[in-house]
Amino acid sequence: MNQPLAYVHPQAKIASTVVIEPFVTIDKNVEIGEGTWIGPNVTIMEGARIGKNNKIFPGAVISAVPQDLKFDGEDSIVRIGNNNIIREFVTINRGTKANMETTIGDNNLLMAYVHIAHDCIVGNNCILANVATLAGHITVEDYAIIGGMVAIHQFVNIGAHSMISGGSLVRKDIPPFVKAAREPVSYVGINSIGLRRRGFTSEKINEIQAIYRILFQQKNNVSQAVEIIEAEMPASPERDEVISFITNSRRGVMKGYTKNS
């Protein structure tokens, strides 16, 4: 439904069931799927690929050019999946020639004033609370929860099922299944409540806890911890996911458990 007070470029590809509220601007080279709602004063710029049944709230700006001085006008995109809630004044920037796209998966909640910079990848079922800020080239894996006013350094990876405390400054990778807090951001336990809510058994949660006890609560360096985990912990998808995440970390993982001084 095209609102007469909105501007939709004639070359934009908009499904017939998309609702467009007043004062929306939709540029050329934009595609929007069935059932999506575009709230008032939303701006969707060139290069947006938006799937089905999304809700985009007033003031959001989707697919603006990157805030990267190396950007040279390349034909990059923002790709957004299905069933996402994108709240007021969220900004999601296009990719650069590094990856050519910024990607948001399905079933995510991006609360007000979230910023997702160029070439980021956000998986499925993630929650980014108010004013969470992602610099360029960040990967956020499925079911991650990022608290309000969290600032994440470029090229950092956030593991699946992890939870980051509000106000954290994240300079290192956050492995899967954990809670991260304090300054500098550190391990404060596993995300046991979130894991239970998603159907992980007590046995599986205990297994994950044992893995991180070796990594973060014993006096092992990272390479020693990985060797011990491989030798002593039975093979499982969760064990292998943790090992893979740590061994492939480019920035290194966050600090282990430390007591407050």
Protein backbone atom coordinates (compact mmCIF):
# COMPACT_ATOMS: atom_id res chain seq x y z
CA MET A 1 0.00 0.00 0.00
CA ASN A 2 1.75 3.15 -1.19
CA GLN A 3 1.03 6.21 0.96
CA PRO A 4 0.59 9.33 -1.22
CA LEU A 5 2.81 11.35 1.13
CA ALA A 6 5.71 8.89 0.68
CA TYR A 7 8.28 8.93 -2.12
CA VAL A 8 8.99 5.58 -3.78
CA HIS A 9 11.37 5.53 -6.72
CA PRO A 10 9.68 4.00 -9.78
CA GLN A 11 12.50 1.46 -10.14
CA ALA A 12 12.12 0.11 -6.60
CA LYS A 13 10.69 -3.42 -6.39
CA ILE A 14 8.06 -3.39 -3.66
CA ALA A 15 5.77 -6.36 -2.96
CA SER A 16 2.06 -5.60 -3.14
CA THR A 17 1.43 -6.24 0.56
CA VAL A 18 4.14 -3.89 1.84
CA VAL A 19 2.69 -1.05 3.95
CA ILE A 20 4.42 2.30 3.48
CA GLU A 21 3.50 5.05 5.93
CA PRO A 22 3.71 8.84 5.32
CA PHE A 23 7.01 10.63 4.68
CA VAL A 24 8.93 7.47 3.81
CA THR A 25 11.67 7.76 1.17
CA ILE A 26 12.58 4.66 -0.86
CA ASP A 27 15.35 5.01 -3.44
CA LYS A 28 16.05 3.09 -6.65
CA ASN A 29 17.69 -0.35 -6.57
CA VAL A 30 15.64 -1.37 -3.52
CA GLU A 31 13.71 -4.61 -3.03
CA ILE A 32 11.19 -5.18 -0.23
CA GLY A 33 9.33 -8.46 0.36
CA GLU A 34 5.75 -9.34 1.27
CA GLY A 35 4.20 -8.22 4.53
CA THR A 36 6.86 -5.72 5.55
CA TRP A 37 5.75 -2.53 7.32
CA ILE A 38 7.70 0.69 6.75
CA GLY A 39 6.92 3.24 9.45
CA PRO A 40 6.77 7.02 9.04
CA ASN A 41 9.94 8.94 8.18
CA VAL A 42 11.95 5.84 7.34
CA THR A 43 14.65 6.30 4.69
CA ILE A 44 15.63 3.28 2.59
CA MET A 45 18.51 4.11 0.30
CA GLU A 46 19.94 2.48 -2.80
CA GLY A 47 21.11 -1.09 -2.38
CA ALA A 48 18.64 -2.36 0.25
CA ARG A 49 17.39 -5.95 -0.04
CA ILE A 50 14.69 -6.42 2.59
CA GLY A 51 12.80 -9.68 3.03
CA LYS A 52 9.33 -10.55 4.29
CA ASN A 53 7.34 -9.50 7.36
CA ASN A 54 9.83 -7.02 8.74
CA LYS A 55 8.76 -4.03 10.84
CA ILE A 56 10.86 -0.89 10.40
CA PHE A 57 10.00 1.88 12.85
CA PRO A 58 10.10 5.68 12.37
CA GLY A 59 13.39 7.37 11.66
CA ALA A 60 15.39 4.28 10.68
CA VAL A 61 17.91 4.72 7.84
CA ILE A 62 18.67 1.56 5.88
CA SER A 63 21.49 1.19 3.33
CA ALA A 64 23.20 4.55 3.67
CA VAL A 65 26.74 4.64 2.26
CA PRO A 66 29.43 3.46 4.69
CA GLN A 67 31.09 5.82 7.14
CA ASP A 68 34.41 4.68 5.73
CA LEU A 69 36.78 7.07 3.95
CA LYS A 70 37.99 4.20 1.76
CA PHE A 71 34.51 3.77 0.27
CA ASP A 72 34.66 4.70 -3.41
CA GLY A 73 31.06 4.38 -4.50
CA GLU A 74 31.15 0.63 -5.16
CA ASP A 75 27.83 -1.07 -5.92
CA SER A 76 27.33 -2.65 -2.48
CA ILE A 77 24.16 -3.64 -0.62
CA VAL A 78 22.43 -4.24 2.70
CA ARG A 79 20.69 -7.63 2.88
CA ILE A 80 17.99 -8.05 5.55
CA GLY A 81 16.12 -11.33 6.02
CA ASN A 82 12.62 -11.99 7.36
CA ASN A 83 10.65 -11.22 10.53
CA ASN A 84 13.03 -8.61 11.91
CA ILE A 85 11.99 -5.74 14.17
CA ILE A 86 14.04 -2.62 13.48
CA ARG A 87 13.16 0.09 15.96
CA GLU A 88 13.39 3.88 15.88
CA PHE A 89 16.49 5.55 14.39
CA VAL A 90 18.40 2.35 13.70
CA THR A 91 21.11 2.88 11.06
CA ILE A 92 22.40 0.04 8.88
CA ASN A 93 25.13 0.90 6.36
CA ARG A 94 25.98 -0.73 3.04
CA GLY A 95 29.04 -2.91 2.56
CA THR A 96 32.34 -1.90 1.02
CA LYS A 97 34.53 -3.66 -1.52
CA ALA A 98 35.83 -5.87 1.32
CA ASN A 99 32.59 -7.94 1.40
CA MET A 100 30.20 -5.89 -0.78
CA GLU A 101 27.33 -6.34 1.66
CA THR A 102 26.13 -5.91 5.21
CA THR A 103 23.91 -8.81 6.24
CA ILE A 104 21.13 -9.15 8.82
CA GLY A 105 19.49 -12.58 9.14
CA ASP A 106 16.01 -13.49 10.41
CA ASN A 107 14.02 -12.89 13.61
CA ASN A 108 16.29 -10.24 15.07
CA LEU A 109 15.33 -7.36 17.36
CA LEU A 110 17.34 -4.20 16.81
CA MET A 111 16.25 -1.70 19.46
CA ALA A 112 16.28 2.09 19.10
CA TYR A 113 19.46 3.83 17.91
CA VAL A 114 21.35 0.63 17.11
CA HIS A 115 24.10 1.23 14.55
CA ILE A 116 25.38 -1.53 12.28
CA ALA A 117 28.34 -0.44 10.17
CA HIS A 118 29.62 -1.64 6.82
CA ASP A 119 30.35 -5.31 6.13
CA CYS A 120 28.86 -6.57 9.39
CA ILE A 121 27.10 -9.92 9.59
CA VAL A 122 24.30 -10.39 12.15
CA GLY A 123 22.88 -13.92 12.28
CA ASN A 124 19.41 -15.05 13.37
CA ASN A 125 17.44 -14.53 16.60
CA CYS A 126 19.80 -11.88 17.97
CA ILE A 127 18.87 -8.98 20.25
CA LEU A 128 20.77 -5.71 20.09
CA ALA A 129 19.54 -3.38 22.83
CA ASN A 130 19.28 0.40 22.63
CA VAL A 131 22.33 2.25 21.27
CA ALA A 132 24.39 -0.90 20.71
CA THR A 133 27.05 0.11 18.19
CA LEU A 134 28.85 -2.20 15.77
CA ALA A 135 31.92 -0.93 13.92
CA GLY A 136 32.81 -2.40 10.53
CA HIS A 137 33.42 -6.07 9.74
CA ILE A 138 31.84 -7.46 12.93
CA THR A 139 30.16 -10.87 13.00
CA VAL A 140 27.37 -11.53 15.50
CA GLU A 141 26.38 -15.21 15.57
CA ASP A 142 22.90 -16.63 16.21
CA TYR A 143 21.06 -15.94 19.49
CA ALA A 144 23.63 -13.43 20.74
CA ILE A 145 22.33 -10.71 23.07
CA ILE A 146 24.16 -7.38 23.11
CA GLY A 147 23.23 -5.00 25.91
CA GLY A 148 22.42 -1.32 25.67
CA MET A 149 25.21 1.15 24.83
CA VAL A 150 27.69 -1.62 24.06
CA ALA A 151 30.45 -0.48 21.67
CA ILE A 152 32.19 -3.18 19.63
CA HIS A 153 35.55 -2.70 17.89
CA GLN A 154 35.90 -3.47 14.19
CA PHE A 155 36.66 -7.07 13.15
CA VAL A 156 35.43 -8.51 16.47
CA ASN A 157 33.41 -11.74 16.44
CA ILE A 158 30.56 -12.35 18.89
CA GLY A 159 29.81 -16.03 19.47
CA ALA A 160 26.43 -17.73 19.36
CA HIS A 161 24.27 -17.72 22.53
CA SER A 162 26.57 -15.19 24.21
CA MET A 163 25.38 -12.23 26.27
CA ILE A 164 27.24 -8.93 26.69
CA SER A 165 26.47 -6.65 29.63
CA GLY A 166 25.18 -3.15 28.90
CA GLY A 167 27.77 -0.41 28.58
CA SER A 168 30.64 -2.77 27.75
CA LEU A 169 33.54 -1.80 25.49
CA VAL A 170 34.31 -4.90 23.43
CA ARG A 171 37.81 -5.01 21.94
CA LYS A 172 38.27 -8.79 21.81
CA ASP A 173 36.23 -11.72 20.53
CA ILE A 174 33.45 -13.05 22.77
CA PRO A 175 33.25 -16.86 22.53
CA PRO A 176 29.94 -18.74 22.24
CA PHE A 177 27.69 -19.58 25.21
CA VAL A 178 29.25 -17.09 27.66
CA LYS A 179 28.37 -13.93 29.58
CA ALA A 180 30.74 -10.99 29.26
CA ALA A 181 30.95 -7.96 31.53
CA ARG A 182 33.31 -5.66 33.51
CA GLU A 183 36.09 -3.41 32.19
CA PRO A 184 38.06 -4.65 30.40
CA VAL A 185 35.32 -6.99 29.22
CA SER A 186 35.86 -10.41 30.79
CA TYR A 187 34.29 -13.83 31.26
CA VAL A 188 31.73 -13.84 34.08
CA GLY A 189 30.17 -17.27 33.51
CA ILE A 190 28.18 -19.07 30.87
CA ASN A 191 24.78 -17.91 29.67
CA SER A 192 23.00 -20.73 31.47
CA ILE A 193 19.58 -19.05 31.63
CA GLY A 194 19.59 -18.33 27.91
CA LEU A 195 20.77 -21.86 27.13
CA ARG A 196 17.98 -23.40 29.23
CA ARG A 197 15.42 -21.23 27.46
CA ARG A 198 16.66 -22.58 24.15
CA GLY A 199 16.41 -26.20 25.17
CA PHE A 200 19.94 -27.07 26.27
CA THR A 201 19.91 -29.85 28.85
CA SER A 202 21.54 -29.58 32.28
CA GLU A 203 24.14 -32.11 31.16
CA LYS A 204 25.02 -30.03 28.10
CA ILE A 205 25.20 -26.83 30.16
CA ASN A 206 27.54 -28.57 32.64
CA GLU A 207 29.71 -29.70 29.74
CA ILE A 208 29.99 -26.14 28.40
CA GLN A 209 30.78 -24.91 31.91
CA ALA A 210 33.59 -27.45 32.22
CA ILE A 211 35.08 -26.30 28.91
CA TYR A 212 35.18 -22.69 30.01
CA ARG A 213 36.53 -23.60 33.43
CA ILE A 214 39.60 -24.98 31.64
CA LEU A 215 39.86 -21.93 29.38
CA PHE A 216 39.08 -19.10 31.76
CA GLN A 217 39.32 -20.22 35.39
CA GLN A 218 42.47 -22.33 35.45
CA LYS A 219 45.99 -21.01 34.96
CA ASN A 220 46.31 -22.04 31.32
CA ASN A 221 47.17 -19.87 28.39
CA VAL A 222 44.84 -20.17 25.41
CA SER A 223 46.86 -22.73 23.47
CA GLN A 224 47.32 -24.90 26.56
CA ALA A 225 43.61 -24.68 27.32
CA VAL A 226 42.66 -25.77 23.81
CA GLU A 227 44.98 -28.79 24.06
CA ILE A 228 43.47 -29.79 27.41
CA ILE A 229 39.90 -29.32 26.14
CA GLU A 230 40.62 -31.52 23.11
CA ALA A 231 42.29 -34.17 25.24
CA GLU A 232 39.93 -34.28 28.22
CA MET A 233 36.49 -33.23 26.99
CA PRO A 234 34.46 -35.67 24.83
CA ALA A 235 33.84 -34.55 21.28
CA SER A 236 30.53 -32.75 20.80
CA PRO A 237 29.19 -29.98 18.56
CA GLU A 238 29.48 -27.48 21.42
CA ARG A 239 33.06 -28.45 22.29
CA ASP A 240 34.08 -28.25 18.64
CA GLU A 241 32.32 -24.91 18.21
CA VAL A 242 34.25 -23.42 21.11
CA ILE A 243 37.58 -24.79 19.87
CA SER A 244 36.94 -23.59 16.32
CA PHE A 245 35.95 -20.12 17.51
CA ILE A 246 39.08 -19.74 19.66
CA THR A 247 41.55 -21.12 17.13
CA ASN A 248 40.12 -18.93 14.35
CA SER A 249 40.04 -15.74 16.42
CA ARG A 250 41.84 -12.89 14.69
CA ARG A 251 41.75 -10.40 17.57
CA GLY A 252 42.10 -12.90 20.41
CA VAL A 253 39.41 -13.76 22.94
CA MET A 254 38.43 -11.72 25.98
CA LYS A 255 40.07 -12.12 29.38
CA GLY A 256 39.19 -14.90 31.78
CA TYR A 257 37.45 -14.60 35.12
CA THR A 258 38.88 -11.93 37.42
CA LYS A 259 37.64 -10.83 40.84
CA ASN A 260 36.76 -7.20 41.37
CA SER A 261 39.54 -5.30 43.09
